């Protein structure tokens, strides 16, 4: 994260990695220096596009609620995908 951006915005995205398991580690480290109020955390599709890890919607939501919650059911190409959230 570019620390200079905090001069211009109220919220930041600590990492491009939105895997919920990885997010918990990132969020823990982030909150040693900053408050959770400035941290954005996104809920994305399962399985995760980067590592193919499958997680339930409840786990993805709870891990993202550690910061300001966002939702983005899209593929890595930016196109909307059919969400599987109803099946969790």
C-alpha atoms as a PDB file:
ATOM      1  CA  UNK A   1       0.000   0.000   0.000  1.00  0.00           C
ATOM      2  CA  UNK A   2       1.189   3.492  -0.825  1.00  0.00           C
ATOM      3  CA  UNK A   3       1.100   5.273   2.540  1.00  0.00           C
ATOM      4  CA  UNK A   4       0.906   8.654   0.828  1.00  0.00           C
ATOM      5  CA  UNK A   5      -2.587   7.828  -0.421  1.00  0.00           C
ATOM      6  CA  UNK A   6      -3.977   8.249   3.109  1.00  0.00           C
ATOM      7  CA  UNK A   7      -3.594  11.970   2.602  1.00  0.00           C
ATOM      8  CA  UNK A   8      -6.240  11.832  -0.148  1.00  0.00           C
ATOM      9  CA  UNK A   9      -8.677   9.108   0.886  1.00  0.00           C
ATOM     10  CA  UNK A  10     -10.514   7.718   3.905  1.00  0.00           C
ATOM     11  CA  UNK A  11     -10.175   4.024   3.003  1.00  0.00           C
ATOM     12  CA  UNK A  12      -7.507   1.801   1.477  1.00  0.00           C
ATOM     13  CA  UNK A  13      -7.291  -1.733   0.131  1.00  0.00           C
ATOM     14  CA  UNK A  14      -4.326  -3.397   1.867  1.00  0.00           C
ATOM     15  CA  UNK A  15      -3.818  -6.072  -0.818  1.00  0.00           C
ATOM     16  CA  UNK A  16      -5.077  -7.311  -4.189  1.00  0.00           C
ATOM     17  CA  UNK A  17      -5.300 -10.798  -2.694  1.00  0.00           C
ATOM     18  CA  UNK A  18      -8.959 -11.247  -1.713  1.00  0.00           C
ATOM     19  CA  UNK A  19      -8.723 -14.863  -0.565  1.00  0.00           C
ATOM     20  CA  UNK A  20     -10.499 -14.829   2.842  1.00  0.00           C
ATOM     21  CA  UNK A  21      -7.950 -17.051   4.579  1.00  0.00           C
ATOM     22  CA  UNK A  22      -5.081 -14.843   3.370  1.00  0.00           C
ATOM     23  CA  UNK A  23      -7.052 -11.681   4.179  1.00  0.00           C
ATOM     24  CA  UNK A  24      -7.097 -12.519   7.885  1.00  0.00           C
ATOM     25  CA  UNK A  25      -3.290 -12.515   8.019  1.00  0.00           C
ATOM     26  CA  UNK A  26      -3.096  -9.308   5.993  1.00  0.00           C
ATOM     27  CA  UNK A  27      -5.701  -7.585   8.147  1.00  0.00           C
ATOM     28  CA  UNK A  28      -3.981  -8.624  11.357  1.00  0.00           C
ATOM     29  CA  UNK A  29      -0.691  -7.099  10.231  1.00  0.00           C
ATOM     30  CA  UNK A  30      -2.391  -3.993   8.856  1.00  0.00           C
ATOM     31  CA  UNK A  31      -4.123  -3.220  12.150  1.00  0.00           C
ATOM     32  CA  UNK A  32      -0.823  -3.104  14.027  1.00  0.00           C
ATOM     33  CA  UNK A  33      -0.231   0.237  12.307  1.00  0.00           C
ATOM     34  CA  UNK A  34      -3.698   1.476  11.259  1.00  0.00           C
ATOM     35  CA  UNK A  35      -7.289   1.351  12.480  1.00  0.00           C
ATOM     36  CA  UNK A  36      -9.760  -1.085  10.886  1.00  0.00           C
ATOM     37  CA  UNK A  37     -11.939   1.883   9.858  1.00  0.00           C
ATOM     38  CA  UNK A  38      -9.629   2.720   6.931  1.00  0.00           C
ATOM     39  CA  UNK A  39      -9.261  -0.875   5.709  1.00  0.00           C
ATOM     40  CA  UNK A  40     -11.436  -2.134   2.836  1.00  0.00           C
ATOM     41  CA  UNK A  41     -12.026  -5.885   2.648  1.00  0.00           C
ATOM     42  CA  UNK A  42     -13.837  -7.520  -0.259  1.00  0.00           C
ATOM     43  CA  UNK A  43     -15.966 -10.632  -0.562  1.00  0.00           C
ATOM     44  CA  UNK A  44     -15.285 -12.348  -3.871  1.00  0.00           C
ATOM     45  CA  UNK A  45     -16.278 -15.594  -5.586  1.00  0.00           C
ATOM     46  CA  UNK A  46     -15.467 -19.079  -4.406  1.00  0.00           C
ATOM     47  CA  UNK A  47     -13.373 -20.878  -5.433  1.00  0.00           C
ATOM     48  CA  UNK A  48     -10.910 -18.001  -5.331  1.00  0.00           C
ATOM     49  CA  UNK A  49      -9.546 -17.177  -8.791  1.00  0.00           C
ATOM     50  CA  UNK A  50      -5.910 -17.043  -7.636  1.00  0.00           C
ATOM     51  CA  UNK A  51      -5.468 -20.263  -5.640  1.00  0.00           C
ATOM     52  CA  UNK A  52      -8.745 -22.144  -6.373  1.00  0.00           C
ATOM     53  CA  UNK A  53      -9.462 -22.415  -2.612  1.00  0.00           C
ATOM     54  CA  UNK A  54     -13.163 -22.905  -1.868  1.00  0.00           C
ATOM     55  CA  UNK A  55     -14.668 -21.232   1.183  1.00  0.00           C
ATOM     56  CA  UNK A  56     -18.249 -20.766   2.386  1.00  0.00           C
ATOM     57  CA  UNK A  57     -20.045 -17.461   2.039  1.00  0.00           C
ATOM     58  CA  UNK A  58     -20.242 -17.100   5.824  1.00  0.00           C
ATOM     59  CA  UNK A  59     -16.439 -17.471   6.135  1.00  0.00           C
ATOM     60  CA  UNK A  60     -15.857 -14.975   3.317  1.00  0.00           C
ATOM     61  CA  UNK A  61     -18.275 -12.482   4.869  1.00  0.00           C
ATOM     62  CA  UNK A  62     -16.871 -12.803   8.401  1.00  0.00           C
ATOM     63  CA  UNK A  63     -13.265 -12.402   7.259  1.00  0.00           C
ATOM     64  CA  UNK A  64     -14.189  -9.309   5.238  1.00  0.00           C
ATOM     65  CA  UNK A  65     -16.180  -7.722   8.061  1.00  0.00           C
ATOM     66  CA  UNK A  66     -12.904  -7.042   9.881  1.00  0.00           C
ATOM     67  CA  UNK A  67     -12.742  -3.865   7.778  1.00  0.00           C
ATOM     68  CA  UNK A  68     -15.187  -1.913   5.617  1.00  0.00           C
ATOM     69  CA  UNK A  69     -17.089  -4.645   3.804  1.00  0.00           C
ATOM     70  CA  UNK A  70     -17.234  -4.677   0.008  1.00  0.00           C
ATOM     71  CA  UNK A  71     -18.656  -7.207  -2.446  1.00  0.00           C
ATOM     72  CA  UNK A  72     -17.358  -8.032  -5.913  1.00  0.00           C
ATOM     73  CA  UNK A  73     -18.645 -11.183  -7.624  1.00  0.00           C
ATOM     74  CA  UNK A  74     -16.535 -10.859 -10.762  1.00  0.00           C
ATOM     75  CA  UNK A  75     -13.988 -12.912 -12.624  1.00  0.00           C
ATOM     76  CA  UNK A  76     -10.332 -11.791 -12.914  1.00  0.00           C
ATOM     77  CA  UNK A  77     -11.133 -10.446 -16.385  1.00  0.00           C
ATOM     78  CA  UNK A  78     -13.645  -8.040 -14.861  1.00  0.00           C
ATOM     79  CA  UNK A  79     -16.743  -9.712 -16.345  1.00  0.00           C
ATOM     80  CA  UNK A  80     -19.655 -10.567 -14.129  1.00  0.00           C
ATOM     81  CA  UNK A  81     -19.843 -14.242 -13.284  1.00  0.00           C
ATOM     82  CA  UNK A  82     -22.714 -16.327 -12.037  1.00  0.00           C
ATOM     83  CA  UNK A  83     -22.393 -16.234  -8.271  1.00  0.00           C
ATOM     84  CA  UNK A  84     -22.516 -19.412  -6.206  1.00  0.00           C
ATOM     85  CA  UNK A  85     -23.401 -17.552  -3.011  1.00  0.00           C
ATOM     86  CA  UNK A  86     -26.898 -19.015  -2.952  1.00  0.00           C
ATOM     87  CA  UNK A  87     -25.398 -22.508  -2.664  1.00  0.00           C
ATOM     88  CA  UNK A  88     -23.245 -21.851   0.447  1.00  0.00           C
END
